[in-house]
C-alpha atoms as a PDB file:
ATOM      1  CA  MET A   1     177.548   9.149  85.315  1.00  0.00           C
ATOM      2  CA  LEU A   2     178.568  10.753  82.044  1.00  0.00           C
ATOM      3  CA  ASN A   3     178.890  14.521  81.856  1.00  0.00           C
ATOM      4  CA  ILE A   4     179.984  16.289  78.680  1.00  0.00           C
ATOM      5  CA  VAL A   5     180.458  19.854  77.531  1.00  0.00           C
ATOM      6  CA  VAL A   6     180.107  20.560  73.831  1.00  0.00           C
ATOM      7  CA  ILE A   7     180.590  23.612  71.662  1.00  0.00           C
ATOM      8  CA  ASN A   8     177.329  24.060  69.766  1.00  0.00           C
ATOM      9  CA  CYS A   9     176.780  25.677  66.383  1.00  0.00           C
ATOM     10  CA  ASP A  10     176.474  29.105  68.059  1.00  0.00           C
ATOM     11  CA  ARG A  11     179.948  28.580  69.573  1.00  0.00           C
ATOM     12  CA  LYS A  12     178.407  28.343  73.052  1.00  0.00           C
ATOM     13  CA  TYR A  13     179.478  25.811  75.642  1.00  0.00           C
ATOM     14  CA  VAL A  14     176.561  23.560  76.589  1.00  0.00           C
ATOM     15  CA  GLU A  15     176.621  20.885  79.299  1.00  0.00           C
ATOM     16  CA  TYR A  16     174.763  17.565  79.213  1.00  0.00           C
ATOM     17  CA  GLU A  17     174.600  14.753  81.751  1.00  0.00           C
ATOM     18  CA  TRP A  18     173.405  11.144  81.771  1.00  0.00           C
ATOM     19  CA  ASP A  19     173.293   8.507  84.500  1.00  0.00           C
ATOM     20  CA  SER A  20     175.357   6.054  82.433  1.00  0.00           C
ATOM     21  CA  LYS A  21     176.915   5.324  79.044  1.00  0.00           C
ATOM     22  CA  LYS A  22     173.908   3.151  78.266  1.00  0.00           C
ATOM     23  CA  ALA A  23     171.531   6.049  79.016  1.00  0.00           C
ATOM     24  CA  PHE A  24     173.652   8.305  76.779  1.00  0.00           C
ATOM     25  CA  VAL A  25     173.500   5.859  73.865  1.00  0.00           C
ATOM     26  CA  GLN A  26     169.752   5.333  74.272  1.00  0.00           C
ATOM     27  CA  ASP A  27     169.111   9.072  74.449  1.00  0.00           C
ATOM     28  CA  MET A  28     171.251   9.792  71.387  1.00  0.00           C
ATOM     29  CA  GLN A  29     169.348   7.143  69.410  1.00  0.00           C
ATOM     30  CA  SER A  30     165.954   8.506  70.474  1.00  0.00           C
ATOM     31  CA  ASP A  31     163.731  11.299  69.193  1.00  0.00           C
ATOM     32  CA  ASN A  32     164.731  13.511  72.133  1.00  0.00           C
ATOM     33  CA  GLU A  33     165.292  17.079  70.964  1.00  0.00           C
ATOM     34  CA  ASN A  34     167.337  18.142  73.995  1.00  0.00           C
ATOM     35  CA  ILE A  35     170.536  16.320  73.055  1.00  0.00           C
ATOM     36  CA  PRO A  36     173.750  17.508  71.416  1.00  0.00           C
ATOM     37  CA  MET A  37     174.240  17.346  67.671  1.00  0.00           C
ATOM     38  CA  LEU A  38     176.509  14.526  66.503  1.00  0.00           C
ATOM     39  CA  ASP A  39     178.955  16.961  64.902  1.00  0.00           C
ATOM     40  CA  ASP A  40     179.303  19.151  68.027  1.00  0.00           C
ATOM     41  CA  PRO A  41     182.944  19.210  69.179  1.00  0.00           C
ATOM     42  CA  LEU A  42     183.596  17.877  72.669  1.00  0.00           C
ATOM     43  CA  ALA A  43     185.140  20.406  75.037  1.00  0.00           C
ATOM     44  CA  GLU A  44     185.043  18.172  78.107  1.00  0.00           C
ATOM     45  CA  VAL A  45     184.152  14.603  79.091  1.00  0.00           C
ATOM     46  CA  ASN A  46     183.744  13.734  82.755  1.00  0.00           C
ATOM     47  CA  THR A  47     183.010  10.203  83.868  1.00  0.00           C
ATOM     48  CA  GLN A  48     183.976   7.712  86.551  1.00  0.00           C
ATOM     49  CA  ASP A  49     184.511   5.115  83.819  1.00  0.00           C
ATOM     50  CA  ASN A  50     188.289   4.721  83.613  1.00  0.00           C
ATOM     51  CA  ASN A  51     188.299   3.314  80.059  1.00  0.00           C
ATOM     52  CA  LEU A  52     186.223   6.170  78.687  1.00  0.00           C
ATOM     53  CA  GLN A  53     188.200   8.769  80.618  1.00  0.00           C
ATOM     54  CA  LEU A  54     191.466   7.354  79.233  1.00  0.00           C
ATOM     55  CA  TRP A  55     189.998   7.386  75.700  1.00  0.00           C
ATOM     56  CA  TRP A  56     189.064  11.063  76.124  1.00  0.00           C
ATOM     57  CA  ARG A  57     192.473  12.043  77.536  1.00  0.00           C
ATOM     58  CA  ASN A  58     194.347  10.405  74.653  1.00  0.00           C
ATOM     59  CA  THR A  59     192.416  11.980  71.788  1.00  0.00           C
ATOM     60  CA  ASP A  60     192.028  15.405  70.200  1.00  0.00           C
ATOM     61  CA  GLY A  61     189.299  16.955  68.090  1.00  0.00           C
ATOM     62  CA  MET A  62     186.575  14.515  69.085  1.00  0.00           C
ATOM     63  CA  THR A  63     182.886  15.037  68.370  1.00  0.00           C
ATOM     64  CA  VAL A  64     179.735  13.746  70.026  1.00  0.00           C
ATOM     65  CA  ASP A  65     179.534  11.121  67.273  1.00  0.00           C
ATOM     66  CA  ASP A  66     183.017   9.836  68.176  1.00  0.00           C
ATOM     67  CA  LEU A  67     181.928   9.557  71.816  1.00  0.00           C
ATOM     68  CA  LEU A  68     178.719   7.772  70.823  1.00  0.00           C
ATOM     69  CA  GLU A  69     180.639   5.219  68.757  1.00  0.00           C
ATOM     70  CA  GLU A  70     183.134   4.642  71.593  1.00  0.00           C
ATOM     71  CA  CYS A  71     180.321   4.118  74.105  1.00  0.00           C
ATOM     72  CA  LYS A  72     178.559   1.679  71.757  1.00  0.00           C
ATOM     73  CA  GLN A  73     181.773  -0.352  71.403  1.00  0.00           C
ATOM     74  CA  GLU A  74     182.336  -0.465  75.152  1.00  0.00           C
ATOM     75  CA  LEU A  75     178.754  -1.622  75.771  1.00  0.00           C
ATOM     76  CA  ASN A  76     179.065  -4.546  73.359  1.00  0.00           C
END
């Protein structure tokens, strides 16, 4: 499970959830219109994946694009 909260362009907090990192990556690379923008700042990342949770805890000022790139690296 991957649950994130982003701050959208209207400065509103919006929550998104996926079943896995793989589902997140696939969704972000799709034509789905109900996904966060790549430049949306991350306000929260919740996951049971220890590596990703540690990455989130040790960084500041991350965007959805940063999370996408991290998930892609971990899946390879």
